[in-house]
Amino acid sequence: MAAIKPSVPKGTRDFSPAEMVKRNFIFDTIKGVFRKFGYQQIETPSMENLSTLTGKYGDEGDKLMFKILNSGDYLSKVEPAKLVNANSNQLISDISEKALRYDLTVPFARYVVQHQNEITFPFKRFQVQPVWRADRPQRGRYREFFQCDADVVGSDSLLNEAEFILIYDEALSALGLKDFTVKINNRKILSGIAEVIGKIDNIIDLTVAIDKLDKIGLDGVIKELLEKGFTTDDIEKLKPVILLEGTNSTKLQSLRAALADSVIGLTGCDEIEEVFNYIDNFKLQNGTIELDITLARGLNYYTGAIFEVKTNEVAIGSIGGGGRYDDLTGMFGLKGLTGVGISFGADRIYDVMEELDLFPADANQSTQVLICCFDKDGELYALPLLQQLRDNNINTELYPAGAKIKKQLDYANNKYIPYTVVIGSDEMQSSMLTFKDMTSGMQEKLTAKQIIGKLTTGL
């Protein structure tokens, strides 16, 4: 039998130790900001019941969901009559009861309903876990990727929306990004636009089309809307709204004039303005806020604010997004519980940071000290020192005796270990150990206590 060439499925990746150090730097930074703002961590299973996920993301989302075949003979419970001329889509409910989670928000809504009696509301949670989408793989888009989500349910205060902008600003600034835009819109404004042109029943078609403006251009959006039953008169009314320009306040002014006959549209304008007023009380570090009326995000559950974050330093898709969902938990039997949440696209953020060389110099290292010894006697001598260093929270390895010192030092260089301690017969007799800075090449004789002091206090 021929050997199988090892590979991973398209759209997935292995992560080396060096990459994991960098990924954890991103996760730890974002988690730290979430905790700073009062969010607590939960986790949910990788798979959910298919019924939990279906219908929450629109037709496109349902198509991109990875369904899991029932175990065993999954066709055995399907009625024979159904198998005649049936395609796999028609059999899904019979052959698949579960699916890999498509995002973290819907599983969170399920979690809230299931655990509502244990939760204190408003409930502020964050979650850092992988999700799966059967997308066409391309640069910055994977089929398996991590999301870093934060949501708050049980509060309709727009202070939450403002704080999410602050979270984006603080976390991305802490990661080293210097120029990024937090785009904001409101689904009520989009509903108002649909109402004004008499197409309120076509709100989904409208939002799906204008959300693609960046990708397919105005002509592409017009073509799609015409195909969905919009008239040229509708499109003439839409054009000035879709192509809004100017400052945020100028855009709001124009929108209020255009939506003067729509109560829901004006409510959306009021909500956006209130978020801006909150933000005026804070100083953003590196982010800018932009009211973007073309930001629609074709997800069915957003009812208020919609967010998207883009870096202006690298050509890549959005690195974050989210919004308010007034009754997501209603799908699971808990009515009237409003929520709002955001997500960081960790994989795209990683790519951005790699391209901009933003990872700290020590991001490649996990071990601080390598103890090198010439023989078994040196190895035994090193064991108490190994314990002492680790007791002082200094990440330390002892290279097993028997290899040449050059090989041991090469090992330290290849793993970006910044310091080595060499123990030979002279060192054991004098208790003065050879401590080497692998970056500068400088070395000195120090006692075990002095080495610990140097590594813990820099003295």
Protein backbone atom coordinates (compact mmCIF):
# COMPACT_ATOMS: atom_id res chain seq x y z
CA MET A 1 0.00 0.00 0.00
CA ALA A 2 1.43 3.39 -1.04
CA ALA A 3 2.19 5.87 1.73
CA ILE A 4 -0.46 8.60 2.13
CA LYS A 5 0.92 12.07 1.57
CA PRO A 6 0.23 14.02 4.77
CA SER A 7 -1.95 17.11 4.31
CA VAL A 8 -4.62 19.18 6.06
CA PRO A 9 -8.05 20.06 4.62
CA LYS A 10 -8.14 23.22 2.49
CA GLY A 11 -8.80 26.31 4.57
CA THR A 12 -7.20 24.86 7.71
CA ARG A 13 -3.67 25.18 9.08
CA ASP A 14 -1.16 23.71 11.50
CA PHE A 15 0.43 26.13 13.98
CA SER A 16 4.06 25.74 15.00
CA PRO A 17 5.29 26.52 18.53
CA ALA A 18 6.59 29.90 17.32
CA GLU A 19 3.21 30.70 15.76
CA MET A 20 1.35 29.61 18.89
CA VAL A 21 3.39 32.01 21.02
CA LYS A 22 2.28 34.83 18.70
CA ARG A 23 -1.33 33.66 18.60
CA ASN A 24 -1.44 33.47 22.38
CA PHE A 25 -0.03 37.00 22.53
CA ILE A 26 -3.07 38.13 20.53
CA PHE A 27 -5.54 36.09 22.57
CA ASP A 28 -4.05 37.12 25.93
CA THR A 29 -4.05 40.81 24.96
CA ILE A 30 -7.69 40.75 23.86
CA LYS A 31 -8.77 38.67 26.87
CA GLY A 32 -7.05 41.15 29.18
CA VAL A 33 -9.05 44.03 27.68
CA PHE A 34 -12.31 42.04 27.90
CA ARG A 35 -11.68 41.37 31.60
CA LYS A 36 -10.79 45.02 32.17
CA PHE A 37 -14.27 45.96 30.94
CA GLY A 38 -15.99 43.40 33.19
CA TYR A 39 -16.49 40.45 30.82
CA GLN A 40 -16.27 36.83 32.05
CA GLN A 41 -15.15 33.83 29.99
CA ILE A 42 -17.32 30.86 28.99
CA GLU A 43 -16.91 28.01 26.47
CA THR A 44 -19.49 26.08 24.44
CA PRO A 45 -19.16 22.79 22.48
CA SER A 46 -17.60 22.72 19.01
CA MET A 47 -20.81 21.17 17.69
CA GLU A 48 -24.38 22.27 18.25
CA ASN A 49 -27.69 20.68 17.32
CA LEU A 50 -28.39 21.56 13.69
CA SER A 51 -31.77 22.99 14.73
CA THR A 52 -29.97 25.45 17.03
CA LEU A 53 -27.99 26.95 14.14
CA THR A 54 -30.29 26.66 11.13
CA GLY A 55 -32.12 29.82 10.06
CA LYS A 56 -30.03 32.18 12.20
CA TYR A 57 -27.59 33.37 9.51
CA GLY A 58 -29.74 33.64 6.38
CA ASP A 59 -29.69 31.30 3.38
CA GLU A 60 -26.01 31.97 2.69
CA GLY A 61 -25.02 31.06 6.23
CA ASP A 62 -27.05 27.85 6.16
CA LYS A 63 -25.22 26.81 2.99
CA LEU A 64 -21.81 27.48 4.54
CA MET A 65 -22.48 25.43 7.67
CA PHE A 66 -20.49 22.19 8.12
CA LYS A 67 -23.10 19.51 8.87
CA ILE A 68 -22.08 16.34 10.71
CA LEU A 69 -23.42 13.02 9.42
CA ASN A 70 -25.19 10.93 12.04
CA SER A 71 -22.95 8.13 13.31
CA GLY A 72 -23.43 4.57 12.11
CA ASP A 73 -25.49 3.85 9.01
CA TYR A 74 -26.92 7.33 8.63
CA LEU A 75 -29.20 6.30 5.74
CA SER A 76 -30.84 3.46 7.68
CA LYS A 77 -33.52 5.68 9.25
CA VAL A 78 -34.43 7.44 6.00
CA GLU A 79 -37.67 6.28 4.44
CA PRO A 80 -36.87 4.43 1.16
CA ALA A 81 -39.36 6.63 -0.73
CA LYS A 82 -37.33 9.71 0.22
CA LEU A 83 -34.19 8.30 -1.36
CA VAL A 84 -35.75 8.23 -4.83
CA ASN A 85 -34.68 11.32 -6.79
CA ALA A 86 -33.68 13.10 -3.54
CA ASN A 87 -30.55 15.24 -3.27
CA SER A 88 -28.42 15.54 -0.16
CA ASN A 89 -29.92 18.93 0.81
CA GLN A 90 -33.40 17.39 0.99
CA LEU A 91 -32.11 14.64 3.25
CA ILE A 92 -30.15 16.83 5.68
CA SER A 93 -32.73 16.70 8.49
CA ASP A 94 -32.78 12.87 8.24
CA ILE A 95 -29.04 12.20 8.04
CA SER A 96 -27.58 15.03 10.14
CA GLU A 97 -28.61 16.15 13.63
CA LYS A 98 -25.53 18.23 14.44
CA ALA A 99 -23.28 20.86 12.86
CA LEU A 100 -20.00 22.58 13.69
CA ARG A 101 -20.69 26.01 15.12
CA TYR A 102 -20.74 28.78 12.50
CA ASP A 103 -20.10 31.58 15.00
CA LEU A 104 -20.06 32.09 18.77
CA THR A 105 -23.11 34.37 19.08
CA VAL A 106 -25.92 31.89 18.40
CA PRO A 107 -24.37 29.24 20.72
CA PHE A 108 -24.09 32.01 23.31
CA ALA A 109 -27.80 32.80 22.93
CA ARG A 110 -28.56 29.10 23.41
CA TYR A 111 -26.29 29.10 26.50
CA VAL A 112 -28.10 32.11 28.01
CA VAL A 113 -31.52 30.49 27.62
CA GLN A 114 -30.33 27.13 28.94
CA HIS A 115 -28.58 28.68 31.97
CA GLN A 116 -30.87 31.68 32.57
CA ASN A 117 -31.55 30.72 36.20
CA GLU A 118 -27.81 30.72 37.03
CA ILE A 119 -26.99 34.00 35.29
CA THR A 120 -26.92 37.52 36.76
CA PHE A 121 -28.17 40.05 34.21
CA PRO A 122 -26.87 42.08 32.48
CA PHE A 123 -24.60 39.17 31.58
CA LYS A 124 -21.24 40.14 30.08
CA ARG A 125 -19.35 37.21 28.61
CA PHE A 126 -16.40 36.65 26.34
CA GLN A 127 -15.45 33.54 24.40
CA VAL A 128 -12.30 32.63 22.44
CA GLN A 129 -12.86 29.47 20.40
CA PRO A 130 -12.69 28.17 16.80
CA VAL A 131 -15.63 28.33 14.37
CA TRP A 132 -16.10 26.63 10.99
CA ARG A 133 -17.46 27.90 7.68
CA ALA A 134 -17.47 26.13 4.30
CA ASP A 135 -16.20 29.25 2.55
CA ARG A 136 -13.91 29.30 -0.47
CA PRO A 137 -10.41 29.58 1.09
CA GLN A 138 -8.40 32.66 0.15
CA ARG A 139 -5.97 35.11 1.73
CA GLY A 140 -7.35 36.11 5.11
CA ARG A 141 -10.29 33.70 4.86
CA TYR A 142 -10.17 30.22 6.35
CA ARG A 143 -12.62 27.40 6.89
CA GLU A 144 -11.49 26.96 10.48
CA PHE A 145 -10.65 30.10 12.39
CA PHE A 146 -10.81 31.53 15.88
CA GLN A 147 -13.21 34.22 17.00
CA CYS A 148 -12.78 36.35 20.08
CA ASP A 149 -16.28 37.44 21.06
CA ALA A 150 -17.69 39.66 23.76
CA ASP A 151 -21.43 40.07 24.31
CA VAL A 152 -23.71 41.64 26.89
CA VAL A 153 -27.34 40.54 27.20
CA GLY A 154 -30.07 42.00 29.37
CA SER A 155 -29.26 45.69 28.84
CA ASP A 156 -30.59 48.04 26.17
CA SER A 157 -28.24 50.87 27.14
CA LEU A 158 -26.26 52.30 24.23
CA LEU A 159 -23.35 52.72 26.65
CA ASN A 160 -22.61 49.08 25.75
CA GLU A 161 -22.17 49.98 22.07
CA ALA A 162 -19.87 52.84 23.02
CA GLU A 163 -17.81 50.57 25.27
CA PHE A 164 -17.35 48.08 22.44
CA ILE A 165 -15.79 50.85 20.36
CA LEU A 166 -13.47 51.55 23.29
CA ILE A 167 -12.64 47.82 23.57
CA TYR A 168 -11.70 47.69 19.88
CA ASP A 169 -9.59 50.82 20.26
CA GLU A 170 -7.74 49.63 23.37
CA ALA A 171 -7.15 46.02 22.26
CA LEU A 172 -6.00 46.80 18.71
CA SER A 173 -3.80 49.65 19.96
CA ALA A 174 -2.25 47.29 22.53
CA LEU A 175 -1.48 44.89 19.67
CA GLY A 176 0.41 47.67 17.89
CA LEU A 177 -2.07 48.75 15.20
CA LYS A 178 -1.76 52.46 14.52
CA ASP A 179 -4.48 53.20 11.97
CA PHE A 180 -7.82 51.42 11.94
CA THR A 181 -11.46 52.40 11.48
CA VAL A 182 -14.44 51.22 13.53
CA LYS A 183 -17.37 51.49 11.13
CA ILE A 184 -20.85 51.78 12.61
CA ASN A 185 -24.34 51.71 11.16
CA ASN A 186 -27.82 50.86 12.45
CA ARG A 187 -30.29 48.38 10.99
CA LYS A 188 -33.11 50.78 11.90
CA ILE A 189 -31.62 53.29 9.45
CA LEU A 190 -31.57 50.60 6.77
CA SER A 191 -35.19 49.71 7.58
CA GLY A 192 -36.03 53.41 7.31
CA ILE A 193 -34.44 53.60 3.87
CA ALA A 194 -36.46 50.56 2.75
CA GLU A 195 -39.61 52.13 4.21
CA VAL A 196 -39.09 55.47 2.45
CA ILE A 197 -38.81 53.79 -0.96
CA GLY A 198 -41.74 51.46 -0.22
CA LYS A 199 -39.68 48.26 -0.04
CA ILE A 200 -39.90 47.35 3.64
CA ASP A 201 -40.65 43.71 2.73
CA ASN A 202 -37.41 43.61 0.74
CA ILE A 203 -35.14 44.80 3.60
CA ILE A 204 -33.00 41.62 3.48
CA ASP A 205 -32.48 41.89 -0.30
CA LEU A 206 -31.54 45.56 0.16
CA THR A 207 -29.06 44.96 2.98
CA VAL A 208 -27.42 41.93 1.34
CA ALA A 209 -26.88 43.95 -1.86
CA ILE A 210 -25.51 47.20 -0.40
CA ASP A 211 -23.26 45.26 1.98
CA LYS A 212 -21.36 44.17 -1.15
CA LEU A 213 -20.65 47.75 -2.33
CA ASP A 214 -16.92 47.45 -1.56
CA LYS A 215 -16.65 44.18 -3.48
CA ILE A 216 -18.88 44.67 -6.54
CA GLY A 217 -19.15 48.47 -6.78
CA LEU A 218 -22.25 50.62 -7.29
CA ASP A 219 -23.02 49.09 -10.70
CA GLY A 220 -22.94 45.60 -9.21
CA VAL A 221 -25.25 46.65 -6.36
CA ILE A 222 -27.70 48.25 -8.83
CA LYS A 223 -27.67 45.12 -11.01
CA GLU A 224 -28.39 42.90 -7.99
CA LEU A 225 -31.22 45.16 -6.76
CA LEU A 226 -32.84 45.25 -10.21
CA GLU A 227 -32.74 41.45 -10.27
CA LYS A 228 -34.47 41.43 -6.86
CA GLY A 229 -37.39 43.53 -8.10
CA PHE A 230 -36.25 47.08 -7.24
CA THR A 231 -37.13 49.72 -9.85
CA THR A 232 -34.87 52.35 -11.43
CA ASP A 233 -36.90 54.95 -9.48
CA ASP A 234 -36.10 53.10 -6.21
CA ILE A 235 -32.42 53.07 -7.12
CA GLU A 236 -32.36 56.80 -7.91
CA LYS A 237 -33.74 57.45 -4.41
CA LEU A 238 -31.17 55.07 -2.91
CA LYS A 239 -28.06 56.45 -4.65
CA PRO A 240 -27.57 59.65 -2.59
CA VAL A 241 -28.09 57.71 0.64
CA ILE A 242 -25.71 54.86 -0.30
CA LEU A 243 -23.05 57.32 -1.46
CA LEU A 244 -23.20 59.61 1.61
CA GLU A 245 -20.04 61.65 2.19
CA GLY A 246 -18.69 64.09 4.77
CA THR A 247 -18.18 63.99 8.53
CA ASN A 248 -20.26 61.77 10.77
CA SER A 249 -22.42 64.72 11.84
CA THR A 250 -22.91 65.79 8.20
CA LYS A 251 -23.96 62.26 7.26
CA LEU A 252 -26.43 62.15 10.16
CA GLN A 253 -27.86 65.49 9.10
CA SER A 254 -28.37 64.23 5.53
CA LEU A 255 -29.90 61.00 6.79
CA ARG A 256 -32.37 62.81 9.04
CA ALA A 257 -33.53 64.83 6.03
CA ALA A 258 -33.83 61.73 3.82
CA LEU A 259 -35.64 59.73 6.52
CA ALA A 260 -37.94 62.52 7.74
CA ASP A 261 -41.02 60.37 7.03
CA SER A 262 -39.71 57.23 8.73
CA VAL A 263 -40.04 56.91 12.51
CA ILE A 264 -37.82 53.82 12.63
CA GLY A 265 -35.18 55.48 10.42
CA LEU A 266 -35.01 58.55 12.69
CA THR A 267 -34.79 56.28 15.75
CA GLY A 268 -31.72 54.69 14.16
CA CYS A 269 -30.18 58.15 13.67
CA ASP A 270 -30.88 59.00 17.33
CA GLU A 271 -29.19 55.80 18.50
CA ILE A 272 -26.08 56.44 16.40
CA GLU A 273 -25.88 59.99 17.73
CA GLU A 274 -26.17 58.79 21.34
CA VAL A 275 -23.25 56.38 20.81
CA PHE A 276 -21.17 59.24 19.36
CA ASN A 277 -22.08 61.42 22.36
CA TYR A 278 -20.84 58.72 24.76
CA ILE A 279 -17.57 58.39 22.82
CA ASP A 280 -17.03 62.16 23.02
CA ASN A 281 -16.33 61.63 26.74
CA PHE A 282 -13.33 59.40 25.99
CA LYS A 283 -10.07 59.78 24.11
CA LEU A 284 -9.48 57.13 21.48
CA GLN A 285 -5.88 55.95 21.07
CA ASN A 286 -5.55 54.95 17.40
CA GLY A 287 -9.02 54.16 16.13
CA THR A 288 -11.39 56.43 14.22
CA ILE A 289 -15.17 56.02 14.06
CA GLU A 290 -17.00 56.23 10.76
CA LEU A 291 -20.73 56.17 10.10
CA ASP A 292 -20.97 53.90 7.03
CA ILE A 293 -24.47 53.51 5.64
CA THR A 294 -23.35 50.69 3.30
CA LEU A 295 -22.40 48.56 6.28
CA ALA A 296 -25.27 46.09 6.37
CA ARG A 297 -23.83 42.66 7.25
CA GLY A 298 -26.28 40.15 5.81
CA LEU A 299 -26.90 38.39 9.11
CA ASN A 300 -30.58 38.20 9.91
CA TYR A 301 -30.37 38.75 13.63
CA TYR A 302 -28.99 42.32 13.88
CA THR A 303 -31.69 44.84 14.81
CA GLY A 304 -29.77 47.93 15.96
CA ALA A 305 -26.12 48.96 15.83
CA ILE A 306 -23.83 47.18 13.38
CA PHE A 307 -20.02 47.27 13.70
CA GLU A 308 -17.14 46.46 11.39
CA VAL A 309 -13.44 47.13 11.92
CA LYS A 310 -10.90 47.56 9.14
CA THR A 311 -7.19 48.27 9.33
CA ASN A 312 -5.95 51.00 7.03
CA GLU A 313 -2.38 49.68 7.09
CA VAL A 314 -2.85 46.37 5.23
CA ALA A 315 -5.17 45.37 2.38
CA ILE A 316 -7.27 42.68 4.05
CA GLY A 317 -10.93 42.14 4.92
CA SER A 318 -12.56 43.21 8.17
CA ILE A 319 -10.73 42.29 11.38
CA GLY A 320 -13.79 42.60 13.61
CA GLY A 321 -17.52 43.09 13.58
CA GLY A 322 -20.76 42.73 15.48
CA GLY A 323 -23.99 44.42 16.41
CA ARG A 324 -27.17 44.50 18.49
CA TYR A 325 -29.77 41.73 18.36
CA ASP A 326 -32.98 42.58 20.17
CA ASP A 327 -34.52 39.14 20.43
CA LEU A 328 -31.99 36.48 19.49
CA THR A 329 -32.82 34.44 22.59
CA GLY A 330 -36.50 34.52 21.57
CA MET A 331 -35.66 31.82 19.03
CA PHE A 332 -34.94 29.58 22.02
CA GLY A 333 -38.00 30.55 24.07
CA LEU A 334 -36.68 33.49 26.12
CA LYS A 335 -38.45 36.56 24.71
CA GLY A 336 -37.51 40.21 24.96
CA LEU A 337 -33.89 39.83 26.06
CA THR A 338 -31.81 42.34 24.13
CA GLY A 339 -28.12 41.87 23.49
CA VAL A 340 -25.16 43.39 21.70
CA GLY A 341 -21.80 41.87 20.87
CA ILE A 342 -18.58 42.13 18.90
CA SER A 343 -15.99 39.75 17.53
CA PHE A 344 -12.27 40.03 16.79
CA GLY A 345 -11.03 38.10 13.73
CA ALA A 346 -7.90 36.71 15.38
CA ASP A 347 -6.56 34.98 12.26
CA ARG A 348 -6.72 38.11 10.15
CA ILE A 349 -5.25 40.17 12.99
CA TYR A 350 -2.36 37.67 13.08
CA ASP A 351 -1.76 38.15 9.33
CA VAL A 352 -1.86 41.94 9.74
CA MET A 353 0.62 41.85 12.62
CA GLU A 354 2.97 39.55 10.68
CA GLU A 355 2.91 41.86 7.68
CA LEU A 356 3.55 44.94 9.82
CA ASP A 357 6.13 43.14 12.03
CA LEU A 358 4.24 44.06 15.19
CA PHE A 359 4.95 41.03 17.36
CA PRO A 360 7.33 41.80 20.25
CA ALA A 361 10.90 40.55 19.93
CA ASP A 362 10.42 37.98 22.68
CA ALA A 363 7.29 36.53 21.03
CA ASN A 364 9.41 33.72 19.57
CA GLN A 365 10.59 32.48 22.94
CA SER A 366 8.84 30.41 25.54
CA THR A 367 11.96 29.24 27.42
CA GLN A 368 14.09 31.87 29.16
CA VAL A 369 17.04 29.73 30.23
CA LEU A 370 18.69 26.56 28.94
CA ILE A 371 20.98 24.73 31.37
CA CYS A 372 23.80 22.96 29.51
CA CYS A 373 26.07 20.34 31.08
CA PHE A 374 29.01 18.22 29.90
CA ASP A 375 28.19 14.93 31.57
CA LYS A 376 25.94 13.03 33.98
CA ASP A 377 27.63 14.59 37.03
CA GLY A 378 26.81 18.04 35.66
CA GLU A 379 23.24 16.93 34.98
CA LEU A 380 22.77 15.81 38.60
CA TYR A 381 24.37 19.05 39.83
CA ALA A 382 21.96 21.02 37.64
CA LEU A 383 18.74 19.47 38.95
CA PRO A 384 18.42 21.63 42.12
CA LEU A 385 19.16 24.76 40.04
CA LEU A 386 16.49 23.70 37.53
CA GLN A 387 13.98 23.45 40.38
CA GLN A 388 15.02 26.82 41.86
CA LEU A 389 14.65 28.63 38.54
CA ARG A 390 11.21 27.14 37.91
CA ASP A 391 10.13 27.92 41.49
CA ASN A 392 10.90 31.56 40.64
CA ASN A 393 8.63 31.39 37.56
CA ILE A 394 11.58 31.36 35.16
CA ASN A 395 10.83 29.09 32.21
CA THR A 396 13.81 26.73 32.18
CA GLU A 397 14.96 23.64 30.33
CA LEU A 398 17.81 21.25 31.13
CA TYR A 399 19.42 19.73 28.03
CA PRO A 400 19.95 15.99 28.70
CA ALA A 401 23.62 15.09 29.25
CA GLY A 402 25.58 13.46 26.46
CA ALA A 403 25.44 15.99 23.62
CA LYS A 404 28.32 18.31 22.72
CA ILE A 405 28.05 21.81 24.17
CA LYS A 406 27.92 23.30 20.64
CA LYS A 407 24.82 21.25 19.87
CA GLN A 408 23.23 22.43 23.11
CA LEU A 409 23.97 26.09 22.31
CA ASP A 410 22.63 25.62 18.77
CA TYR A 411 19.44 24.27 20.33
CA ALA A 412 19.16 27.47 22.41
CA ASN A 413 19.68 29.66 19.34
CA ASN A 414 17.14 27.74 17.24
CA LYS A 415 14.52 28.11 19.98
CA TYR A 416 15.34 31.79 20.60
CA ILE A 417 16.26 31.02 24.22
CA PRO A 418 17.93 34.23 25.44
CA TYR A 419 20.14 32.82 28.23
CA THR A 420 22.17 29.69 28.92
CA VAL A 421 23.86 28.38 32.05
CA VAL A 422 26.85 26.09 31.34
CA ILE A 423 27.92 23.64 34.06
CA GLY A 424 31.26 21.85 33.85
CA SER A 425 33.70 20.52 36.45
CA ASP A 426 35.12 24.01 37.22
CA GLU A 427 31.61 25.38 37.80
CA MET A 428 30.70 22.52 40.13
CA GLN A 429 33.85 23.00 42.21
CA SER A 430 33.57 26.78 42.52
CA SER A 431 29.72 27.09 42.52
CA MET A 432 30.28 29.93 40.04
CA LEU A 433 28.23 29.08 36.97
CA THR A 434 28.83 30.35 33.42
CA PHE A 435 25.86 32.56 32.55
CA LYS A 436 25.65 33.58 28.88
CA ASP A 437 23.49 36.17 27.12
CA MET A 438 22.84 34.46 23.78
CA THR A 439 21.90 37.71 22.03
CA SER A 440 25.02 39.75 22.88
CA GLY A 441 27.38 36.80 23.39
CA MET A 442 28.47 38.24 26.77
CA GLN A 443 29.09 35.75 29.55
CA GLU A 444 29.97 35.99 33.24
CA LYS A 445 30.47 33.80 36.29
CA LEU A 446 27.56 33.98 38.74
CA THR A 447 26.16 32.02 41.68
CA ALA A 448 22.74 30.39 41.37
CA LYS A 449 21.28 33.14 43.59
CA GLN A 450 22.79 35.88 41.41
CA ILE A 451 21.40 34.27 38.26
CA ILE A 452 17.89 34.15 39.77
CA GLY A 453 18.23 37.78 40.88
CA LYS A 454 19.36 38.86 37.42
CA LEU A 455 16.47 37.10 35.69
CA THR A 456 13.76 38.21 38.12
CA THR A 457 14.81 41.80 38.85
CA GLY A 458 17.35 42.58 36.12
CA LEU A 459 20.05 43.22 38.75
